[in-house]
């Protein structure tokens, strides 16, 4: 009976050693799995951020294209002397540009300044047309006004092209 007891004690010690080793190995494997999960979660978070930025850039591009279409409409209205409608178009364009400027944080400071300059230009044009209407005097020369609008279209177009280039370079 003593021999069996000694034999069982030896094997119990061996089993305990293997149990401790298995526990340590299992713990190491678990830690490695947690680290891999953390890395995968970080990669997923980064991919989500990049996707959101891409969508924001697409939105900015679409919004800038719409603003340019509004400016082209303003040129046509000025060319045809439809002065009564123009202040509303100027105001609508300004609201549109303010929304673009405030919602698209990925734009550079110079791009924000271009948009701010365009907003200011159309605020000035709106004021001039309103004053001319109120005083009963004819508004400024449509060709001069269209030169101003055309230069603003060019500026906004540069911002649009820059955003398109940035979007292509991130793909």
N, C-alpha and C. Protein backbone atom coordinates (compact mmCIF):
# COMPACT_ATOMS: atom_id res chain seq x y z
N UNK A 1 0.81 -1.17 0.00
CA UNK A 1 0.00 0.00 0.00
C UNK A 1 0.87 1.26 0.00
N UNK A 2 1.98 1.17 0.72
CA UNK A 2 2.92 2.28 0.73
C UNK A 2 3.45 2.54 -0.67
N UNK A 3 3.72 1.51 -1.42
CA UNK A 3 4.26 1.65 -2.76
C UNK A 3 3.25 2.37 -3.65
N UNK A 4 2.00 2.07 -3.51
CA UNK A 4 0.96 2.72 -4.31
C UNK A 4 0.85 4.18 -3.90
N UNK A 5 0.95 4.44 -2.63
CA UNK A 5 0.87 5.81 -2.14
C UNK A 5 2.04 6.64 -2.64
N UNK A 6 3.24 6.05 -2.62
CA UNK A 6 4.42 6.76 -3.14
C UNK A 6 4.28 7.03 -4.64
N UNK A 7 3.83 6.00 -5.33
CA UNK A 7 3.63 6.14 -6.77
C UNK A 7 2.58 7.24 -7.06
N UNK A 8 1.50 7.30 -6.37
CA UNK A 8 0.44 8.29 -6.56
C UNK A 8 0.96 9.69 -6.21
N UNK A 9 1.78 9.79 -5.20
CA UNK A 9 2.33 11.08 -4.80
C UNK A 9 3.25 11.62 -5.89
N UNK A 10 4.10 10.74 -6.44
CA UNK A 10 4.98 11.17 -7.52
C UNK A 10 4.17 11.68 -8.72
N UNK A 11 3.21 10.90 -9.12
CA UNK A 11 2.40 11.28 -10.28
C UNK A 11 1.55 12.52 -9.99
N UNK A 12 1.13 12.69 -8.79
CA UNK A 12 0.37 13.89 -8.43
C UNK A 12 1.25 15.13 -8.58
N UNK A 13 2.52 15.00 -8.14
CA UNK A 13 3.45 16.11 -8.30
C UNK A 13 3.69 16.42 -9.78
N UNK A 14 3.84 15.38 -10.58
CA UNK A 14 4.05 15.55 -12.02
C UNK A 14 2.82 16.22 -12.64
N UNK A 15 1.64 15.77 -12.26
CA UNK A 15 0.41 16.33 -12.80
C UNK A 15 0.27 17.80 -12.39
N UNK A 16 0.63 18.12 -11.15
CA UNK A 16 0.57 19.52 -10.70
C UNK A 16 1.51 20.39 -11.52
N UNK A 17 2.73 19.89 -11.79
CA UNK A 17 3.69 20.65 -12.60
C UNK A 17 3.12 20.88 -13.99
N UNK A 18 2.58 19.83 -14.61
CA UNK A 18 1.97 19.99 -15.93
C UNK A 18 0.76 20.93 -15.88
N UNK A 19 0.00 20.87 -14.82
CA UNK A 19 -1.15 21.77 -14.65
C UNK A 19 -0.72 23.22 -14.57
N UNK A 20 0.36 23.47 -13.81
CA UNK A 20 0.88 24.84 -13.71
C UNK A 20 1.39 25.29 -15.07
N UNK A 21 2.13 24.42 -15.76
CA UNK A 21 2.63 24.76 -17.09
C UNK A 21 1.48 25.05 -18.07
N UNK A 22 0.46 24.22 -18.03
CA UNK A 22 -0.69 24.41 -18.91
C UNK A 22 -1.39 25.72 -18.59
N UNK A 23 -1.47 26.06 -17.31
CA UNK A 23 -2.10 27.32 -16.91
C UNK A 23 -1.30 28.51 -17.41
N UNK A 24 0.02 28.45 -17.25
CA UNK A 24 0.89 29.54 -17.70
C UNK A 24 0.80 29.68 -19.22
N UNK A 25 0.85 28.57 -19.93
CA UNK A 25 0.76 28.61 -21.39
C UNK A 25 -0.60 29.16 -21.81
N UNK A 26 -1.65 28.71 -21.19
CA UNK A 26 -3.00 29.20 -21.50
C UNK A 26 -3.12 30.70 -21.25
N UNK A 27 -2.53 31.15 -20.16
CA UNK A 27 -2.56 32.57 -19.84
C UNK A 27 -1.81 33.38 -20.90
N UNK A 28 -0.65 32.88 -21.32
CA UNK A 28 0.13 33.57 -22.37
C UNK A 28 -0.65 33.62 -23.68
N UNK A 29 -1.29 32.52 -24.04
CA UNK A 29 -2.09 32.48 -25.26
C UNK A 29 -3.24 33.48 -25.16
N UNK A 30 -3.86 33.57 -24.00
CA UNK A 30 -4.96 34.52 -23.80
C UNK A 30 -4.47 35.95 -23.95
N UNK A 31 -3.33 36.26 -23.35
CA UNK A 31 -2.76 37.60 -23.45
C UNK A 31 -2.45 37.93 -24.91
N UNK A 32 -1.89 36.99 -25.65
CA UNK A 32 -1.60 37.23 -27.06
C UNK A 32 -2.89 37.47 -27.85
N UNK A 33 -3.93 36.72 -27.53
CA UNK A 33 -5.22 36.91 -28.20
C UNK A 33 -5.81 38.28 -27.90
N UNK A 34 -5.68 38.72 -26.66
CA UNK A 34 -6.18 40.05 -26.29
C UNK A 34 -5.41 41.13 -27.05
N UNK A 35 -4.10 40.99 -27.14
CA UNK A 35 -3.30 41.97 -27.87
C UNK A 35 -3.66 42.01 -29.35
N UNK A 36 -3.90 40.83 -29.93
CA UNK A 36 -4.31 40.78 -31.33
C UNK A 36 -5.68 41.44 -31.51
N UNK A 37 -6.58 41.18 -30.58
CA UNK A 37 -7.91 41.79 -30.65
C UNK A 37 -7.82 43.30 -30.54
N UNK A 38 -6.95 43.77 -29.66
CA UNK A 38 -6.77 45.21 -29.51
C UNK A 38 -6.24 45.81 -30.80
N UNK A 39 -5.28 45.16 -31.43
CA UNK A 39 -4.72 45.64 -32.69
C UNK A 39 -5.79 45.64 -33.78
N UNK A 40 -6.58 44.58 -33.84
CA UNK A 40 -7.65 44.50 -34.84
C UNK A 40 -8.70 45.59 -34.60
N UNK A 41 -9.03 45.83 -33.34
CA UNK A 41 -10.00 46.88 -33.02
C UNK A 41 -9.46 48.25 -33.42
N UNK A 42 -8.20 48.48 -33.19
CA UNK A 42 -7.58 49.76 -33.56
C UNK A 42 -7.57 49.92 -35.08
N UNK A 43 -7.27 48.84 -35.80
CA UNK A 43 -7.29 48.90 -37.26
C UNK A 43 -8.71 49.15 -37.77
N UNK A 44 -9.69 48.54 -37.15
CA UNK A 44 -11.08 48.76 -37.54
C UNK A 44 -11.49 50.21 -37.27
N UNK A 45 -11.07 50.73 -36.13
CA UNK A 45 -11.37 52.12 -35.80
C UNK A 45 -10.75 53.07 -36.81
N UNK A 46 -9.51 52.80 -37.19
CA UNK A 46 -8.81 53.64 -38.17
C UNK A 46 -9.50 53.56 -39.53
N UNK A 47 -9.93 52.37 -39.91
CA UNK A 47 -10.64 52.21 -41.19
C UNK A 47 -11.96 52.96 -41.17
N UNK A 48 -12.65 52.95 -40.04
CA UNK A 48 -13.91 53.69 -39.92
C UNK A 48 -13.67 55.19 -40.04
N UNK A 49 -12.61 55.68 -39.42
CA UNK A 49 -12.27 57.10 -39.50
C UNK A 49 -11.97 57.48 -40.95
N UNK A 50 -11.19 56.66 -41.63
CA UNK A 50 -10.84 56.94 -43.03
C UNK A 50 -12.08 56.91 -43.92
N UNK A 51 -12.99 55.98 -43.66
CA UNK A 51 -14.22 55.91 -44.45
C UNK A 51 -15.07 57.16 -44.22
N UNK A 52 -15.15 57.58 -42.97
CA UNK A 52 -15.92 58.79 -42.66
C UNK A 52 -15.31 60.01 -43.34
N UNK A 53 -13.99 60.13 -43.31
CA UNK A 53 -13.32 61.25 -43.98
C UNK A 53 -13.56 61.21 -45.49
N UNK A 54 -13.54 60.00 -46.06
CA UNK A 54 -13.81 59.87 -47.50
C UNK A 54 -15.21 60.32 -47.85
N UNK A 55 -16.18 59.92 -47.03
CA UNK A 55 -17.57 60.33 -47.27
C UNK A 55 -17.70 61.84 -47.13
N UNK A 56 -17.03 62.40 -46.13
CA UNK A 56 -17.07 63.85 -45.93
C UNK A 56 -16.48 64.57 -47.13
N UNK A 57 -15.40 64.04 -47.68
CA UNK A 57 -14.80 64.67 -48.88
C UNK A 57 -15.74 64.58 -50.07
N UNK A 58 -16.39 63.42 -50.25
CA UNK A 58 -17.36 63.29 -51.34
C UNK A 58 -18.48 64.31 -51.15
N UNK A 59 -18.96 64.47 -49.92
CA UNK A 59 -20.01 65.45 -49.65
C UNK A 59 -19.53 66.86 -49.99
N UNK A 60 -18.31 67.18 -49.60
CA UNK A 60 -17.76 68.51 -49.89
C UNK A 60 -17.68 68.74 -51.39
N UNK A 61 -17.25 67.73 -52.12
CA UNK A 61 -17.14 67.84 -53.57
C UNK A 61 -18.53 68.06 -54.19
N UNK A 62 -19.51 67.30 -53.74
CA UNK A 62 -20.87 67.45 -54.26
C UNK A 62 -21.43 68.83 -53.90
N UNK A 63 -21.20 69.28 -52.68
CA UNK A 63 -21.71 70.58 -52.25
C UNK A 63 -21.04 71.72 -53.00
N UNK A 64 -19.73 71.62 -53.21
CA UNK A 64 -19.03 72.66 -53.98
C UNK A 64 -19.51 72.69 -55.43
N UNK A 65 -19.78 71.53 -55.99
CA UNK A 65 -20.30 71.48 -57.36
C UNK A 65 -21.67 72.15 -57.42
N UNK A 66 -22.51 71.91 -56.41
CA UNK A 66 -23.82 72.55 -56.37
C UNK A 66 -23.69 74.07 -56.21
N UNK A 67 -22.74 74.51 -55.39
CA UNK A 67 -22.51 75.95 -55.21
C UNK A 67 -22.07 76.58 -56.53
N UNK A 68 -21.23 75.88 -57.27
CA UNK A 68 -20.79 76.41 -58.57
C UNK A 68 -21.97 76.51 -59.54
N UNK A 69 -22.89 75.55 -59.49
CA UNK A 69 -24.07 75.59 -60.35
C UNK A 69 -24.95 76.79 -59.98
N UNK A 70 -25.06 77.07 -58.68
CA UNK A 70 -25.83 78.24 -58.25
C UNK A 70 -25.17 79.52 -58.77
N UNK A 71 -23.84 79.58 -58.71
CA UNK A 71 -23.14 80.77 -59.21
C UNK A 71 -23.34 80.93 -60.72
N UNK A 72 -23.36 79.83 -61.44
CA UNK A 72 -23.62 79.92 -62.89
C UNK A 72 -25.04 80.44 -63.14
N UNK A 73 -25.99 80.00 -62.32
CA UNK A 73 -27.36 80.50 -62.43
C UNK A 73 -27.40 82.00 -62.14
N UNK A 74 -26.66 82.44 -61.14
CA UNK A 74 -26.60 83.86 -60.80
C UNK A 74 -26.06 84.66 -61.99
N UNK A 75 -25.04 84.14 -62.66
CA UNK A 75 -24.51 84.83 -63.84
C UNK A 75 -25.59 84.99 -64.91
N UNK A 76 -26.36 83.92 -65.13
CA UNK A 76 -27.43 83.99 -66.14
C UNK A 76 -28.48 85.03 -65.74
N UNK A 77 -28.87 85.02 -64.48
CA UNK A 77 -29.87 85.98 -64.01
C UNK A 77 -29.37 87.41 -64.13
N UNK A 78 -28.11 87.64 -63.81
CA UNK A 78 -27.53 88.98 -63.94
C UNK A 78 -27.49 89.40 -65.41
N UNK A 79 -27.10 88.46 -66.26
CA UNK A 79 -27.00 88.75 -67.70
C UNK A 79 -28.36 89.18 -68.26
N UNK A 80 -29.44 88.55 -67.74
CA UNK A 80 -30.78 88.84 -68.24
C UNK A 80 -31.48 89.92 -67.42
N UNK A 81 -30.79 90.45 -66.41
CA UNK A 81 -31.34 91.57 -65.64
C UNK A 81 -32.51 91.21 -64.74
N UNK A 82 -32.52 90.00 -64.23
CA UNK A 82 -33.60 89.57 -63.33
C UNK A 82 -33.21 89.97 -61.91
N UNK A 83 -33.22 91.27 -61.64
CA UNK A 83 -32.67 91.82 -60.40
C UNK A 83 -33.51 91.46 -59.17
N UNK A 84 -34.78 91.32 -59.32
CA UNK A 84 -35.64 91.04 -58.16
C UNK A 84 -35.37 89.68 -57.51
N UNK A 85 -34.90 88.72 -58.28
CA UNK A 85 -34.66 87.37 -57.77
C UNK A 85 -33.25 87.23 -57.18
N UNK A 86 -32.35 88.07 -57.66
CA UNK A 86 -30.93 87.89 -57.31
C UNK A 86 -30.60 87.98 -55.82
N UNK A 87 -31.16 88.91 -55.05
CA UNK A 87 -30.80 88.92 -53.62
C UNK A 87 -31.10 87.59 -52.92
N UNK A 88 -32.19 86.96 -53.28
CA UNK A 88 -32.50 85.64 -52.69
C UNK A 88 -31.49 84.60 -53.12
N UNK A 89 -31.07 84.65 -54.37
CA UNK A 89 -30.06 83.69 -54.86
C UNK A 89 -28.72 83.91 -54.16
N UNK A 90 -28.34 85.18 -54.00
CA UNK A 90 -27.09 85.49 -53.29
C UNK A 90 -27.14 84.94 -51.86
N UNK A 91 -28.26 85.21 -51.19
CA UNK A 91 -28.41 84.76 -49.79
C UNK A 91 -28.39 83.24 -49.71
N UNK A 92 -29.08 82.58 -50.64
CA UNK A 92 -29.09 81.12 -50.65
C UNK A 92 -27.70 80.54 -50.89
N UNK A 93 -26.97 81.16 -51.80
CA UNK A 93 -25.60 80.71 -52.07
C UNK A 93 -24.73 80.89 -50.84
N UNK A 94 -24.86 82.04 -50.19
CA UNK A 94 -24.06 82.28 -48.99
C UNK A 94 -24.36 81.24 -47.91
N UNK A 95 -25.62 80.95 -47.69
CA UNK A 95 -25.98 79.91 -46.70
C UNK A 95 -25.37 78.57 -47.08
N UNK A 96 -25.41 78.27 -48.35
CA UNK A 96 -24.83 77.02 -48.84
C UNK A 96 -23.32 76.97 -48.58
N UNK A 97 -22.64 78.07 -48.88
CA UNK A 97 -21.19 78.14 -48.68
C UNK A 97 -20.82 78.09 -47.19
N UNK A 98 -21.62 78.74 -46.36
CA UNK A 98 -21.36 78.69 -44.91
C UNK A 98 -21.51 77.25 -44.42
N UNK A 99 -22.53 76.55 -44.90
CA UNK A 99 -22.72 75.15 -44.50
C UNK A 99 -21.53 74.30 -44.94
N UNK A 100 -21.04 74.52 -46.14
CA UNK A 100 -19.87 73.77 -46.64
C UNK A 100 -18.66 74.07 -45.76
N UNK A 101 -18.44 75.33 -45.51
CA UNK A 101 -17.27 75.76 -44.74
C UNK A 101 -17.29 75.18 -43.33
N UNK A 102 -18.45 75.14 -42.72
CA UNK A 102 -18.52 74.69 -41.33
C UNK A 102 -18.58 73.18 -41.19
N UNK A 103 -19.04 72.48 -42.20
CA UNK A 103 -19.23 71.04 -42.03
C UNK A 103 -18.10 70.18 -42.57
N UNK A 104 -17.17 70.74 -43.28
CA UNK A 104 -16.11 69.96 -43.90
C UNK A 104 -14.77 70.33 -43.30
N UNK A 105 -14.46 69.74 -42.15
CA UNK A 105 -13.28 70.11 -41.38
C UNK A 105 -11.97 69.71 -42.06
N UNK A 106 -12.02 68.82 -43.04
CA UNK A 106 -10.78 68.38 -43.67
C UNK A 106 -10.21 69.41 -44.65
N UNK A 107 -10.88 70.54 -44.79
CA UNK A 107 -10.36 71.58 -45.68
C UNK A 107 -9.22 72.32 -45.00
N UNK A 108 -8.29 72.78 -45.81
CA UNK A 108 -7.16 73.54 -45.28
C UNK A 108 -7.61 74.95 -44.91
N UNK A 109 -6.74 75.65 -44.21
CA UNK A 109 -7.05 77.03 -43.82
C UNK A 109 -7.22 77.91 -45.06
N UNK A 110 -6.38 77.71 -46.08
CA UNK A 110 -6.51 78.54 -47.29
C UNK A 110 -7.82 78.25 -48.02
N UNK A 111 -8.27 76.99 -47.98
CA UNK A 111 -9.56 76.66 -48.60
C UNK A 111 -10.71 77.32 -47.84
N UNK A 112 -10.60 77.32 -46.51
CA UNK A 112 -11.61 78.01 -45.70
C UNK A 112 -11.62 79.51 -46.00
N UNK A 113 -10.43 80.08 -46.20
CA UNK A 113 -10.34 81.51 -46.50
C UNK A 113 -10.95 81.83 -47.87
N UNK A 114 -10.75 80.94 -48.82
CA UNK A 114 -11.36 81.14 -50.15
C UNK A 114 -12.88 81.14 -50.02
N UNK A 115 -13.40 80.18 -49.28
CA UNK A 115 -14.86 80.13 -49.09
C UNK A 115 -15.35 81.37 -48.36
N UNK A 116 -14.60 81.79 -47.34
CA UNK A 116 -15.00 83.00 -46.60
C UNK A 116 -14.98 84.22 -47.51
N UNK A 117 -13.98 84.32 -48.37
CA UNK A 117 -13.92 85.42 -49.33
C UNK A 117 -15.10 85.41 -50.29
N UNK A 118 -15.47 84.22 -50.73
CA UNK A 118 -16.61 84.09 -51.64
C UNK A 118 -17.90 84.48 -50.93
N UNK A 119 -18.03 84.07 -49.68
CA UNK A 119 -19.22 84.44 -48.88
C UNK A 119 -19.29 85.96 -48.76
N UNK A 120 -18.16 86.59 -48.47
CA UNK A 120 -18.12 88.05 -48.36
C UNK A 120 -18.45 88.74 -49.67
N UNK A 121 -17.94 88.22 -50.76
CA UNK A 121 -18.21 88.82 -52.07
C UNK A 121 -19.70 88.80 -52.39
N UNK A 122 -20.33 87.66 -52.13
CA UNK A 122 -21.76 87.57 -52.45
C UNK A 122 -22.61 88.36 -51.46
N UNK A 123 -22.14 88.54 -50.24
CA UNK A 123 -22.84 89.42 -49.29
C UNK A 123 -22.78 90.85 -49.81
N UNK A 124 -21.63 91.25 -50.33
CA UNK A 124 -21.48 92.60 -50.89
C UNK A 124 -22.36 92.78 -52.12
N UNK A 125 -22.39 91.79 -52.99
CA UNK A 125 -23.23 91.88 -54.19
C UNK A 125 -24.71 91.97 -53.80
N UNK A 126 -25.11 91.19 -52.81
CA UNK A 126 -26.49 91.24 -52.36
C UNK A 126 -26.82 92.64 -51.83
N UNK A 127 -25.92 93.19 -51.04
CA UNK A 127 -26.13 94.54 -50.48
C UNK A 127 -26.26 95.57 -51.59
N UNK A 128 -25.39 95.48 -52.59
CA UNK A 128 -25.43 96.44 -53.70
C UNK A 128 -26.75 96.37 -54.48
N UNK A 129 -27.18 95.15 -54.76
CA UNK A 129 -28.42 94.98 -55.52
C UNK A 129 -29.60 95.48 -54.68
N UNK A 130 -29.60 95.16 -53.38
CA UNK A 130 -30.67 95.63 -52.49
C UNK A 130 -30.72 97.16 -52.46
N UNK A 131 -29.55 97.79 -52.35
CA UNK A 131 -29.50 99.26 -52.31
C UNK A 131 -29.98 99.86 -53.62
N UNK A 132 -29.57 99.25 -54.73
CA UNK A 132 -30.01 99.76 -56.03
C UNK A 132 -31.52 99.62 -56.17
N UNK A 133 -32.07 98.51 -55.72
CA UNK A 133 -33.52 98.30 -55.78
C UNK A 133 -34.24 99.32 -54.90
N UNK A 134 -33.72 99.54 -53.70
CA UNK A 134 -34.36 100.46 -52.76
C UNK A 134 -34.34 101.90 -53.25
N UNK A 135 -33.25 102.28 -53.93
CA UNK A 135 -33.13 103.66 -54.40
C UNK A 135 -33.74 103.86 -55.79
N UNK A 136 -34.11 102.79 -56.42
CA UNK A 136 -34.70 102.89 -57.76
C UNK A 136 -33.69 103.10 -58.86
N UNK A 137 -32.42 103.00 -58.55
CA UNK A 137 -31.38 103.16 -59.58
C UNK A 137 -31.07 101.79 -60.19
N UNK A 138 -30.62 101.80 -61.42
CA UNK A 138 -30.28 100.50 -62.02
C UNK A 138 -29.04 99.91 -61.34
N UNK A 139 -29.02 98.60 -61.19
CA UNK A 139 -27.86 97.94 -60.58
C UNK A 139 -26.61 98.12 -61.44
N UNK A 140 -25.54 97.65 -60.95
CA UNK A 140 -24.27 97.73 -61.66
C UNK A 140 -24.36 97.05 -63.01
N UNK A 141 -23.37 97.29 -63.82
CA UNK A 141 -23.26 96.68 -65.14
C UNK A 141 -23.22 95.16 -65.00
N UNK A 142 -24.13 94.44 -65.66
CA UNK A 142 -24.15 92.97 -65.55
C UNK A 142 -22.82 92.32 -65.94
N UNK A 143 -22.14 92.89 -66.93
CA UNK A 143 -20.85 92.31 -67.34
C UNK A 143 -19.83 92.39 -66.21
N UNK A 144 -19.81 93.52 -65.49
CA UNK A 144 -18.89 93.65 -64.36
C UNK A 144 -19.27 92.68 -63.23
N UNK A 145 -20.56 92.60 -62.98
CA UNK A 145 -21.01 91.66 -61.94
C UNK A 145 -20.64 90.23 -62.31
N UNK A 146 -20.80 89.89 -63.58
CA UNK A 146 -20.46 88.53 -64.00
C UNK A 146 -18.96 88.27 -63.94
N UNK A 147 -18.16 89.31 -64.13
CA UNK A 147 -16.71 89.15 -63.95
C UNK A 147 -16.40 88.78 -62.51
N UNK A 148 -17.08 89.45 -61.58
CA UNK A 148 -16.88 89.15 -60.15
C UNK A 148 -17.31 87.72 -59.86
N UNK A 149 -18.48 87.33 -60.35
CA UNK A 149 -18.98 85.98 -60.11
C UNK A 149 -18.07 84.94 -60.76
N UNK A 150 -17.60 85.23 -61.96
CA UNK A 150 -16.72 84.28 -62.66
C UNK A 150 -15.42 84.07 -61.88
N UNK A 151 -14.88 85.15 -61.31
CA UNK A 151 -13.65 84.98 -60.53
C UNK A 151 -13.91 84.15 -59.27
N UNK A 152 -15.10 84.29 -58.69
CA UNK A 152 -15.44 83.48 -57.51
C UNK A 152 -15.64 82.01 -57.91
N UNK A 153 -16.22 81.79 -59.08
CA UNK A 153 -16.37 80.41 -59.57
C UNK A 153 -14.99 79.78 -59.73
N UNK A 154 -14.05 80.54 -60.27
CA UNK A 154 -12.69 80.02 -60.45
C UNK A 154 -12.07 79.66 -59.11
N UNK A 155 -12.25 80.50 -58.10
CA UNK A 155 -11.69 80.24 -56.77
C UNK A 155 -12.30 78.97 -56.15
N UNK A 156 -13.61 78.88 -56.21
CA UNK A 156 -14.29 77.70 -55.65
C UNK A 156 -13.91 76.45 -56.44
N UNK A 157 -13.73 76.61 -57.75
CA UNK A 157 -13.33 75.47 -58.57
C UNK A 157 -11.95 74.94 -58.15
N UNK A 158 -11.05 75.86 -57.80
CA UNK A 158 -9.73 75.44 -57.31
C UNK A 158 -9.85 74.62 -56.02
N UNK A 159 -10.73 75.04 -55.13
CA UNK A 159 -10.96 74.27 -53.90
C UNK A 159 -11.51 72.89 -54.26
N UNK A 160 -12.46 72.87 -55.18
CA UNK A 160 -13.06 71.60 -55.61
C UNK A 160 -12.01 70.67 -56.20
N UNK A 161 -11.17 71.18 -57.09
CA UNK A 161 -10.13 70.36 -57.70
C UNK A 161 -9.14 69.84 -56.65
N UNK A 162 -8.83 70.68 -55.69
CA UNK A 162 -7.92 70.28 -54.62
C UNK A 162 -8.50 69.13 -53.80
N UNK A 163 -9.78 69.23 -53.47
CA UNK A 163 -10.43 68.15 -52.71
C UNK A 163 -10.50 66.87 -53.53
N UNK A 164 -10.77 67.00 -54.82
CA UNK A 164 -10.80 65.81 -55.68
C UNK A 164 -9.43 65.15 -55.74
N UNK A 165 -8.40 65.96 -55.85
CA UNK A 165 -7.03 65.43 -55.89
C UNK A 165 -6.70 64.70 -54.57
N UNK A 166 -7.06 65.32 -53.45
CA UNK A 166 -6.82 64.69 -52.14
C UNK A 166 -7.57 63.36 -52.03
N UNK A 167 -8.79 63.33 -52.52
CA UNK A 167 -9.58 62.11 -52.45
C UNK A 167 -8.94 61.00 -53.28
N UNK A 168 -8.46 61.35 -54.48
CA UNK A 168 -7.80 60.34 -55.32
C UNK A 168 -6.50 59.85 -54.70
N UNK A 169 -5.79 60.73 -54.02
CA UNK A 169 -4.50 60.32 -53.44
C UNK A 169 -4.66 59.45 -52.21
N UNK A 170 -5.83 59.46 -51.58
CA UNK A 170 -6.05 58.63 -50.39
C UNK A 170 -6.58 57.24 -50.75
N UNK A 171 -6.90 57.02 -52.00
CA UNK A 171 -7.43 55.70 -52.40
C UNK A 171 -6.33 54.70 -52.54
